[in-house]
PDB file of N, CA and C in Angstrom:
ATOM      1  N   GLY A   1      86.241  46.910 -11.660  1.00  0.00           N
ATOM      2  CA  GLY A   1      86.331  46.545 -12.913  1.00  0.00           C
ATOM      3  C   GLY A   1      85.523  47.510 -13.294  1.00  0.00           C
ATOM      4  N   SER A   2      85.160  47.563 -15.142  1.00  0.00           N
ATOM      5  CA  SER A   2      84.233  47.848 -15.900  1.00  0.00           C
ATOM      6  C   SER A   2      83.650  46.946 -16.535  1.00  0.00           C
ATOM      7  N   ILE A   3      82.342  47.386 -17.126  1.00  0.00           N
ATOM      8  CA  ILE A   3      81.775  46.316 -17.748  1.00  0.00           C
ATOM      9  C   ILE A   3      82.315  45.462 -19.044  1.00  0.00           C
ATOM     10  N   GLU A   4      82.743  46.111 -19.479  1.00  0.00           N
ATOM     11  CA  GLU A   4      83.450  45.459 -21.006  1.00  0.00           C
ATOM     12  C   GLU A   4      84.630  44.841 -20.730  1.00  0.00           C
ATOM     13  N   GLN A   5      85.545  44.965 -19.885  1.00  0.00           N
ATOM     14  CA  GLN A   5      86.691  44.122 -18.972  1.00  0.00           C
ATOM     15  C   GLN A   5      85.613  42.742 -18.555  1.00  0.00           C
ATOM     16  N   ASP A   6      84.848  42.693 -17.458  1.00  0.00           N
ATOM     17  CA  ASP A   6      84.245  41.762 -16.959  1.00  0.00           C
ATOM     18  C   ASP A   6      83.402  41.102 -17.902  1.00  0.00           C
ATOM     19  N   ALA A   7      82.386  41.338 -18.636  1.00  0.00           N
ATOM     20  CA  ALA A   7      81.442  40.622 -18.967  1.00  0.00           C
ATOM     21  C   ALA A   7      81.964  39.861 -20.170  1.00  0.00           C
ATOM     22  N   ASP A   8      81.592  38.776 -20.812  1.00  0.00           N
ATOM     23  CA  ASP A   8      81.477  37.699 -21.858  1.00  0.00           C
ATOM     24  C   ASP A   8      81.016  38.505 -22.913  1.00  0.00           C
ATOM     25  N   VAL A   9      79.294  38.344 -22.593  1.00  0.00           N
ATOM     26  CA  VAL A   9      78.831  39.222 -23.587  1.00  0.00           C
ATOM     27  C   VAL A   9      78.367  40.514 -22.860  1.00  0.00           C
ATOM     28  N   VAL A  10      78.078  41.378 -23.927  1.00  0.00           N
ATOM     29  CA  VAL A  10      77.337  42.907 -23.788  1.00  0.00           C
ATOM     30  C   VAL A  10      76.068  42.853 -24.737  1.00  0.00           C
ATOM     31  N   MET A  11      74.940  43.355 -24.486  1.00  0.00           N
ATOM     32  CA  MET A  11      73.955  42.780 -25.376  1.00  0.00           C
ATOM     33  C   MET A  11      73.029  44.434 -25.513  1.00  0.00           C
ATOM     34  N   PHE A  12      72.260  45.229 -26.190  1.00  0.00           N
ATOM     35  CA  PHE A  12      71.552  46.099 -25.601  1.00  0.00           C
ATOM     36  C   PHE A  12      70.541  45.804 -26.978  1.00  0.00           C
ATOM     37  N   VAL A  13      69.114  45.978 -26.727  1.00  0.00           N
ATOM     38  CA  VAL A  13      67.797  45.614 -26.844  1.00  0.00           C
ATOM     39  C   VAL A  13      67.606  47.218 -27.282  1.00  0.00           C
ATOM     40  N   TYR A  14      67.188  47.605 -28.716  1.00  0.00           N
ATOM     41  CA  TYR A  14      66.814  48.855 -29.048  1.00  0.00           C
ATOM     42  C   TYR A  14      65.206  48.460 -29.952  1.00  0.00           C
ATOM     43  N   ARG A  15      64.073  49.517 -29.315  1.00  0.00           N
ATOM     44  CA  ARG A  15      62.918  49.500 -30.192  1.00  0.00           C
ATOM     45  C   ARG A  15      62.695  50.493 -30.882  1.00  0.00           C
ATOM     46  N   GLU A  16      62.607  51.063 -32.122  1.00  0.00           N
ATOM     47  CA  GLU A  16      62.504  52.477 -32.552  1.00  0.00           C
ATOM     48  C   GLU A  16      61.257  52.585 -32.149  1.00  0.00           C
ATOM     49  N   GLU A  17      60.193  51.831 -32.720  1.00  0.00           N
ATOM     50  CA  GLU A  17      58.974  52.449 -31.971  1.00  0.00           C
ATOM     51  C   GLU A  17      59.051  53.086 -30.823  1.00  0.00           C
ATOM     52  N   TYR A  18      59.197  52.814 -29.670  1.00  0.00           N
ATOM     53  CA  TYR A  18      59.303  53.337 -28.596  1.00  0.00           C
ATOM     54  C   TYR A  18      59.534  54.600 -28.537  1.00  0.00           C
ATOM     55  N   TYR A  19      60.466  55.200 -29.294  1.00  0.00           N
ATOM     56  CA  TYR A  19      60.961  56.210 -29.053  1.00  0.00           C
ATOM     57  C   TYR A  19      60.195  57.635 -30.223  1.00  0.00           C
ATOM     58  N   LEU A  20      59.697  56.454 -31.059  1.00  0.00           N
ATOM     59  CA  LEU A  20      58.770  57.169 -32.221  1.00  0.00           C
ATOM     60  C   LEU A  20      57.246  57.571 -31.445  1.00  0.00           C
ATOM     61  N   LYS A  21      56.751  56.296 -30.543  1.00  0.00           N
ATOM     62  CA  LYS A  21      55.706  57.156 -29.711  1.00  0.00           C
ATOM     63  C   LYS A  21      55.640  58.541 -29.109  1.00  0.00           C
ATOM     64  N   ASN A  22      56.791  58.925 -28.699  1.00  0.00           N
ATOM     65  CA  ASN A  22      56.924  60.000 -28.065  1.00  0.00           C
ATOM     66  C   ASN A  22      57.331  61.277 -29.147  1.00  0.00           C
ATOM     67  N   LYS A  23      57.560  61.009 -29.684  1.00  0.00           N
ATOM     68  CA  LYS A  23      57.376  62.326 -31.043  1.00  0.00           C
ATOM     69  C   LYS A  23      57.106  62.315 -32.092  1.00  0.00           C
ATOM     70  N   GLU A  24      55.181  62.239 -31.290  1.00  0.00           N
ATOM     71  CA  GLU A  24      54.556  62.268 -32.541  1.00  0.00           C
ATOM     72  C   GLU A  24      54.089  63.600 -33.025  1.00  0.00           C
ATOM     73  N   PRO A  25      54.052  63.488 -33.950  1.00  0.00           N
ATOM     74  CA  PRO A  25      53.627  65.110 -34.822  1.00  0.00           C
ATOM     75  C   PRO A  25      52.288  65.706 -34.544  1.00  0.00           C
ATOM     76  N   ARG A  26      52.027  67.144 -34.973  1.00  0.00           N
ATOM     77  CA  ARG A  26      50.523  67.249 -34.564  1.00  0.00           C
ATOM     78  C   ARG A  26      49.719  66.865 -36.151  1.00  0.00           C
ATOM     79  N   GLU A  27      48.460  65.645 -35.565  1.00  0.00           N
ATOM     80  CA  GLU A  27      48.057  65.465 -36.805  1.00  0.00           C
ATOM     81  C   GLU A  27      47.500  66.367 -37.852  1.00  0.00           C
ATOM     82  N   GLY A  28      47.306  65.671 -39.175  1.00  0.00           N
ATOM     83  CA  GLY A  28      46.844  66.514 -40.424  1.00  0.00           C
ATOM     84  C   GLY A  28      47.920  67.326 -41.048  1.00  0.00           C
ATOM     85  N   THR A  29      49.016  67.120 -40.508  1.00  0.00           N
ATOM     86  CA  THR A  29      50.535  67.485 -40.602  1.00  0.00           C
ATOM     87  C   THR A  29      51.366  67.009 -41.670  1.00  0.00           C
ATOM     88  N   PRO A  30      52.505  67.429 -42.468  1.00  0.00           N
ATOM     89  CA  PRO A  30      53.096  66.350 -43.712  1.00  0.00           C
ATOM     90  C   PRO A  30      53.645  65.328 -42.559  1.00  0.00           C
ATOM     91  N   GLU A  31      54.540  66.416 -41.632  1.00  0.00           N
ATOM     92  CA  GLU A  31      55.065  65.129 -40.590  1.00  0.00           C
ATOM     93  C   GLU A  31      54.385  64.276 -39.955  1.00  0.00           C
ATOM     94  N   HIS A  32      53.151  64.486 -39.653  1.00  0.00           N
ATOM     95  CA  HIS A  32      52.798  63.348 -39.345  1.00  0.00           C
ATOM     96  C   HIS A  32      51.902  61.835 -40.024  1.00  0.00           C
ATOM     97  N   ALA A  33      51.891  62.334 -41.430  1.00  0.00           N
ATOM     98  CA  ALA A  33      51.762  61.108 -41.993  1.00  0.00           C
ATOM     99  C   ALA A  33      53.196  60.450 -42.395  1.00  0.00           C
ATOM    100  N   THR A  34      54.345  61.052 -42.093  1.00  0.00           N
ATOM    101  CA  THR A  34      55.710  60.861 -42.452  1.00  0.00           C
ATOM    102  C   THR A  34      55.908  60.187 -40.869  1.00  0.00           C
ATOM    103  N   TRP A  35      55.449  60.387 -39.862  1.00  0.00           N
ATOM    104  CA  TRP A  35      55.314  59.591 -38.527  1.00  0.00           C
ATOM    105  C   TRP A  35      54.351  58.254 -38.591  1.00  0.00           C
ATOM    106  N   MET A  36      53.313  58.433 -38.877  1.00  0.00           N
ATOM    107  CA  MET A  36      52.680  57.507 -39.558  1.00  0.00           C
ATOM    108  C   MET A  36      53.557  55.910 -40.113  1.00  0.00           C
ATOM    109  N   SER A  37      53.922  56.772 -40.954  1.00  0.00           N
ATOM    110  CA  SER A  37      54.751  55.687 -42.116  1.00  0.00           C
ATOM    111  C   SER A  37      55.601  54.859 -41.460  1.00  0.00           C
ATOM    112  N   GLU A  38      56.512  55.693 -40.445  1.00  0.00           N
ATOM    113  CA  GLU A  38      57.813  55.458 -39.515  1.00  0.00           C
ATOM    114  C   GLU A  38      57.195  54.175 -38.316  1.00  0.00           C
ATOM    115  N   MET A  39      55.952  54.180 -37.721  1.00  0.00           N
ATOM    116  CA  MET A  39      55.533  53.621 -36.967  1.00  0.00           C
ATOM    117  C   MET A  39      55.128  52.534 -37.556  1.00  0.00           C
ATOM    118  N   GLU A  40      54.429  52.380 -38.820  1.00  0.00           N
ATOM    119  CA  GLU A  40      53.988  51.233 -39.431  1.00  0.00           C
ATOM    120  C   GLU A  40      55.170  49.814 -39.496  1.00  0.00           C
ATOM    121  N   ARG A  41      56.197  50.921 -40.221  1.00  0.00           N
ATOM    122  CA  ARG A  41      57.236  50.016 -40.118  1.00  0.00           C
ATOM    123  C   ARG A  41      58.021  49.574 -39.073  1.00  0.00           C
ATOM    124  N   ALA A  42      58.383  50.843 -37.989  1.00  0.00           N
ATOM    125  CA  ALA A  42      58.593  49.805 -36.878  1.00  0.00           C
ATOM    126  C   ALA A  42      57.712  49.159 -35.861  1.00  0.00           C
ATOM    127  N   HIS A  43      56.956  48.943 -36.038  1.00  0.00           N
ATOM    128  CA  HIS A  43      55.779  48.431 -35.178  1.00  0.00           C
ATOM    129  C   HIS A  43      55.757  47.012 -35.342  1.00  0.00           C
ATOM    130  N   GLY A  44      56.232  46.347 -33.863  1.00  0.00           N
ATOM    131  CA  GLY A  44      56.558  44.933 -34.034  1.00  0.00           C
ATOM    132  C   GLY A  44      58.183  44.520 -33.922  1.00  0.00           C
ATOM    133  N   ARG A  45      58.603  45.219 -33.881  1.00  0.00           N
ATOM    134  CA  ARG A  45      60.329  45.157 -34.410  1.00  0.00           C
ATOM    135  C   ARG A  45      61.125  45.604 -33.643  1.00  0.00           C
ATOM    136  N   ALA A  46      61.912  45.001 -33.267  1.00  0.00           N
ATOM    137  CA  ALA A  46      63.380  45.635 -32.062  1.00  0.00           C
ATOM    138  C   ALA A  46      64.776  44.668 -32.811  1.00  0.00           C
ATOM    139  N   GLU A  47      65.650  45.310 -32.137  1.00  0.00           N
ATOM    140  CA  GLU A  47      66.867  45.082 -32.463  1.00  0.00           C
ATOM    141  C   GLU A  47      67.774  44.367 -30.991  1.00  0.00           C
ATOM    142  N   CYS A  48      68.679  42.993 -31.205  1.00  0.00           N
ATOM    143  CA  CYS A  48      69.371  43.095 -30.427  1.00  0.00           C
ATOM    144  C   CYS A  48      70.902  43.318 -30.821  1.00  0.00           C
ATOM    145  N   ILE A  49      71.479  44.604 -29.880  1.00  0.00           N
ATOM    146  CA  ILE A  49      72.401  44.650 -30.814  1.00  0.00           C
ATOM    147  C   ILE A  49      73.940  43.977 -29.782  1.00  0.00           C
ATOM    148  N   ILE A  50      74.623  43.102 -30.359  1.00  0.00           N
ATOM    149  CA  ILE A  50      75.407  42.397 -29.644  1.00  0.00           C
ATOM    150  C   ILE A  50      76.813  43.284 -29.715  1.00  0.00           C
ATOM    151  N   GLY A  51      76.885  44.648 -28.663  1.00  0.00           N
ATOM    152  CA  GLY A  51      78.238  45.136 -28.746  1.00  0.00           C
ATOM    153  C   GLY A  51      79.704  44.619 -28.383  1.00  0.00           C
ATOM    154  N   LYS A  52      79.640  43.557 -27.287  1.00  0.00           N
ATOM    155  CA  LYS A  52      80.738  42.688 -27.240  1.00  0.00           C
ATOM    156  C   LYS A  52      80.130  40.825 -27.139  1.00  0.00           C
ATOM    157  N   GLN A  53      81.611  40.606 -27.760  1.00  0.00           N
ATOM    158  CA  GLN A  53      80.866  39.168 -27.354  1.00  0.00           C
ATOM    159  C   GLN A  53      82.579  37.826 -27.701  1.00  0.00           C
ATOM    160  N   ARG A  54      82.677  37.884 -26.321  1.00  0.00           N
ATOM    161  CA  ARG A  54      84.156  37.642 -26.393  1.00  0.00           C
ATOM    162  C   ARG A  54      84.725  36.474 -26.889  1.00  0.00           C
ATOM    163  N   HIS A  55      83.932  35.395 -27.431  1.00  0.00           N
ATOM    164  CA  HIS A  55      84.208  34.336 -28.123  1.00  0.00           C
ATOM    165  C   HIS A  55      83.436  33.896 -29.128  1.00  0.00           C
ATOM    166  N   GLY A  56      83.120  35.274 -30.097  1.00  0.00           N
ATOM    167  CA  GLY A  56      82.313  35.362 -31.255  1.00  0.00           C
ATOM    168  C   GLY A  56      81.811  36.465 -31.625  1.00  0.00           C
ATOM    169  N   PRO A  57      81.170  36.883 -32.764  1.00  0.00           N
ATOM    170  CA  PRO A  57      80.927  37.950 -33.695  1.00  0.00           C
ATOM    171  C   PRO A  57      80.163  39.352 -32.891  1.00  0.00           C
ATOM    172  N   THR A  58      79.949  39.917 -33.332  1.00  0.00           N
ATOM    173  CA  THR A  58      79.493  41.404 -33.034  1.00  0.00           C
ATOM    174  C   THR A  58      78.370  41.763 -34.036  1.00  0.00           C
ATOM    175  N   GLY A  59      77.224  42.240 -34.117  1.00  0.00           N
ATOM    176  CA  GLY A  59      76.488  42.894 -34.989  1.00  0.00           C
ATOM    177  C   GLY A  59      75.005  43.092 -34.282  1.00  0.00           C
ATOM    178  N   THR A  60      74.432  43.383 -35.130  1.00  0.00           N
ATOM    179  CA  THR A  60      72.733  43.650 -34.432  1.00  0.00           C
ATOM    180  C   THR A  60      71.771  42.351 -35.272  1.00  0.00           C
ATOM    181  N   VAL A  61      70.994  41.780 -34.497  1.00  0.00           N
ATOM    182  CA  VAL A  61      70.167  40.995 -34.774  1.00  0.00           C
ATOM    183  C   VAL A  61      68.298  41.449 -34.635  1.00  0.00           C
ATOM    184  N   ALA A  62      67.797  41.117 -35.794  1.00  0.00           N
ATOM    185  CA  ALA A  62      66.569  41.858 -35.690  1.00  0.00           C
ATOM    186  C   ALA A  62      65.759  40.821 -35.444  1.00  0.00           C
ATOM    187  N   LEU A  63      64.659  41.406 -34.232  1.00  0.00           N
ATOM    188  CA  LEU A  63      63.807  40.236 -33.934  1.00  0.00           C
ATOM    189  C   LEU A  63      62.368  40.693 -34.057  1.00  0.00           C
ATOM    190  N   ALA A  64      61.444  39.997 -33.916  1.00  0.00           N
ATOM    191  CA  ALA A  64      60.348  40.456 -33.434  1.00  0.00           C
ATOM    192  C   ALA A  64      59.810  40.770 -32.248  1.00  0.00           C
ATOM    193  N   PHE A  65      58.830  42.077 -32.105  1.00  0.00           N
ATOM    194  CA  PHE A  65      58.569  42.330 -30.356  1.00  0.00           C
ATOM    195  C   PHE A  65      56.940  42.286 -30.164  1.00  0.00           C
ATOM    196  N   GLU A  66      56.593  41.314 -29.536  1.00  0.00           N
ATOM    197  CA  GLU A  66      55.010  41.882 -29.214  1.00  0.00           C
ATOM    198  C   GLU A  66      54.921  42.360 -27.795  1.00  0.00           C
ATOM    199  N   ASP A  67      54.003  43.975 -27.860  1.00  0.00           N
ATOM    200  CA  ASP A  67      54.168  44.546 -26.678  1.00  0.00           C
ATOM    201  C   ASP A  67      53.376  44.354 -25.827  1.00  0.00           C
ATOM    202  N   GLU A  68      52.013  43.722 -26.095  1.00  0.00           N
ATOM    203  CA  GLU A  68      50.879  43.249 -25.025  1.00  0.00           C
ATOM    204  C   GLU A  68      51.690  42.290 -24.203  1.00  0.00           C
ATOM    205  N   VAL A  69      52.308  41.227 -24.113  1.00  0.00           N
ATOM    206  CA  VAL A  69      53.366  40.578 -23.659  1.00  0.00           C
ATOM    207  C   VAL A  69      54.429  40.748 -23.114  1.00  0.00           C
ATOM    208  N   THR A  70      55.611  41.469 -23.511  1.00  0.00           N
ATOM    209  CA  THR A  70      56.499  41.587 -23.366  1.00  0.00           C
ATOM    210  C   THR A  70      57.384  40.481 -24.126  1.00  0.00           C
ATOM    211  N   ARG A  71      57.454  40.374 -25.212  1.00  0.00           N
ATOM    212  CA  ARG A  71      57.740  38.947 -25.729  1.00  0.00           C
ATOM    213  C   ARG A  71      58.676  39.445 -26.881  1.00  0.00           C
ATOM    214  N   PHE A  72      59.924  38.860 -26.952  1.00  0.00           N
ATOM    215  CA  PHE A  72      60.417  38.597 -28.230  1.00  0.00           C
ATOM    216  C   PHE A  72      61.047  37.650 -28.811  1.00  0.00           C
ATOM    217  N   SER A  73      60.611  37.746 -29.974  1.00  0.00           N
ATOM    218  CA  SER A  73      60.965  36.206 -30.911  1.00  0.00           C
ATOM    219  C   SER A  73      61.527  36.345 -32.121  1.00  0.00           C
ATOM    220  N   ASN A  74      61.932  35.234 -32.859  1.00  0.00           N
ATOM    221  CA  ASN A  74      62.308  35.392 -34.281  1.00  0.00           C
ATOM    222  C   ASN A  74      61.451  36.399 -35.228  1.00  0.00           C
ATOM    223  N   LEU A  75      62.619  36.939 -35.779  1.00  0.00           N
ATOM    224  CA  LEU A  75      61.466  37.643 -37.073  1.00  0.00           C
ATOM    225  C   LEU A  75      61.257  37.152 -38.041  1.00  0.00           C
ATOM    226  N   VAL A  76      60.088  36.926 -38.550  1.00  0.00           N
ATOM    227  CA  VAL A  76      60.137  36.306 -39.951  1.00  0.00           C
ATOM    228  C   VAL A  76      59.433  36.912 -40.618  1.00  0.00           C
ATOM    229  N   GLU A  77      60.183  37.415 -42.310  1.00  0.00           N
ATOM    230  CA  GLU A  77      59.947  38.396 -42.956  1.00  0.00           C
ATOM    231  C   GLU A  77      59.151  37.951 -43.635  1.00  0.00           C
ATOM    232  N   SER A  78      58.036  38.557 -44.289  1.00  0.00           N
ATOM    233  CA  SER A  78      56.591  38.004 -45.135  1.00  0.00           C
ATOM    234  C   SER A  78      57.443  37.454 -46.409  1.00  0.00           C
ATOM    235  N   ASP A  79      57.926  37.960 -46.898  1.00  0.00           N
ATOM    236  CA  ASP A  79      59.024  37.451 -48.146  1.00  0.00           C
ATOM    237  C   ASP A  79      59.918  36.315 -48.242  1.00  0.00           C
ATOM    238  N   HIS A  80      59.860  35.965 -46.446  1.00  0.00           N
ATOM    239  CA  HIS A  80      60.755  34.573 -46.097  1.00  0.00           C
ATOM    240  C   HIS A  80      59.637  33.116 -46.050  1.00  0.00           C
ATOM    241  N   MET A  81      58.460  33.644 -45.639  1.00  0.00           N
ATOM    242  CA  MET A  81      57.914  33.101 -45.034  1.00  0.00           C
ATOM    243  C   MET A  81      57.526  31.673 -46.032  1.00  0.00           C
ATOM    244  N   PRO A  82      57.278  30.393 -45.341  1.00  0.00           N
ATOM    245  CA  PRO A  82      57.213  29.326 -46.362  1.00  0.00           C
ATOM    246  C   PRO A  82      56.091  29.179 -46.971  1.00  0.00           C
ATOM    247  N   VAL A  83      56.080  28.955 -48.181  1.00  0.00           N
ATOM    248  CA  VAL A  83      55.004  28.467 -49.407  1.00  0.00           C
ATOM    249  C   VAL A  83      53.995  27.532 -48.600  1.00  0.00           C
ATOM    250  N   PRO A  84      52.678  27.807 -48.282  1.00  0.00           N
ATOM    251  CA  PRO A  84      51.696  26.623 -48.168  1.00  0.00           C
ATOM    252  C   PRO A  84      51.312  25.607 -48.870  1.00  0.00           C
ATOM    253  N   MET A  85      51.155  24.467 -48.289  1.00  0.00           N
ATOM    254  CA  MET A  85      51.317  23.334 -49.814  1.00  0.00           C
ATOM    255  C   MET A  85      49.932  22.645 -49.664  1.00  0.00           C
TER     256      MET A  85
END
Protein backbone atom coordinates (compact mmCIF):
# COMPACT_ATOMS: atom_id res chain seq x y z
CA GLY A 1 0.00 0.00 0.00
CA SER A 2 0.95 3.63 -0.26
CA ILE A 3 1.62 5.94 2.64
CA GLU A 4 -1.54 7.93 1.91
CA GLN A 5 -3.70 4.81 2.26
CA ASP A 6 -2.00 3.29 5.31
CA ALA A 7 -1.25 6.33 7.46
CA ASP A 8 -3.73 8.02 9.77
CA VAL A 9 -1.57 11.15 9.94
CA VAL A 10 1.04 12.49 7.50
CA MET A 11 3.07 15.50 8.67
CA PHE A 12 5.99 17.38 7.15
CA VAL A 13 8.40 19.80 8.82
CA TYR A 14 9.54 22.83 6.82
CA ARG A 15 12.19 25.34 7.91
CA GLU A 16 12.67 28.21 5.46
CA GLU A 17 15.93 29.18 7.19
CA TYR A 18 17.48 25.83 6.21
CA TYR A 19 16.94 26.54 2.51
CA LEU A 20 17.83 30.24 2.70
CA LYS A 21 21.24 29.45 4.25
CA ASN A 22 22.22 27.62 1.07
CA LYS A 23 21.33 30.57 -1.18
CA GLU A 24 23.32 33.42 0.36
CA PRO A 25 24.05 36.09 -2.27
CA ARG A 26 27.39 37.87 -2.47
CA GLU A 27 27.88 40.35 0.40
CA GLY A 28 27.45 44.02 -0.42
CA THR A 29 24.76 43.44 -3.04
CA PRO A 30 21.13 44.56 -2.74
CA GLU A 31 20.17 40.87 -2.91
CA HIS A 32 22.28 40.19 0.18
CA ALA A 33 20.43 42.87 2.16
CA THR A 34 17.12 41.29 1.17
CA TRP A 35 18.47 37.85 2.06
CA MET A 36 19.56 39.10 5.51
CA SER A 37 16.06 40.43 6.12
CA GLU A 38 14.52 37.10 5.07
CA MET A 39 16.97 35.20 7.31
CA GLU A 40 16.00 37.37 10.30
CA ARG A 41 12.32 36.71 9.66
CA ALA A 42 12.85 32.94 9.28
CA HIS A 43 15.33 32.47 12.14
CA GLY A 44 14.04 30.18 14.88
CA ARG A 45 10.83 29.32 13.04
CA ALA A 46 9.46 26.16 11.50
CA GLU A 47 6.18 24.90 10.11
CA CYS A 48 4.50 21.58 10.72
CA ILE A 49 2.42 20.86 7.65
CA ILE A 50 -0.36 18.38 8.38
CA GLY A 51 -0.94 16.87 4.94
CA LYS A 52 -3.37 14.22 6.11
CA GLN A 53 -5.25 13.59 9.31
CA ARG A 54 -7.83 10.87 8.95
CA HIS A 55 -10.03 12.09 11.82
CA GLY A 56 -9.19 15.78 11.93
CA PRO A 57 -8.26 18.91 10.05
CA THR A 58 -5.24 19.47 7.83
CA GLY A 59 -3.23 22.65 7.68
CA THR A 60 -0.06 24.31 8.85
CA VAL A 61 1.08 25.04 12.40
CA ALA A 62 3.82 27.59 13.13
CA LEU A 63 6.50 26.37 15.54
CA ALA A 64 9.58 27.73 17.27
CA PHE A 65 12.82 25.91 16.46
CA GLU A 66 16.05 25.83 18.47
CA ASP A 67 18.82 24.76 16.11
CA GLU A 68 21.41 24.17 18.85
CA VAL A 69 19.39 21.35 20.42
CA THR A 70 17.08 20.46 17.50
CA ARG A 71 13.99 21.28 19.54
CA PHE A 72 10.57 22.31 18.29
CA SER A 73 8.13 24.07 20.62
CA ASN A 74 5.08 26.31 20.64
CA LEU A 75 5.72 29.60 18.89
CA VAL A 76 5.02 32.60 21.10
CA GLU A 77 4.71 35.77 19.07
CA SER A 78 5.98 38.91 20.79
CA ASP A 79 2.63 40.63 20.25
CA HIS A 80 0.93 37.77 22.15
CA MET A 81 3.24 37.78 25.15
CA PRO A 82 1.51 38.10 28.53
CA VAL A 83 1.83 41.48 30.18
CA PRO A 84 4.20 41.27 33.19
CA MET A 85 2.57 42.11 36.52
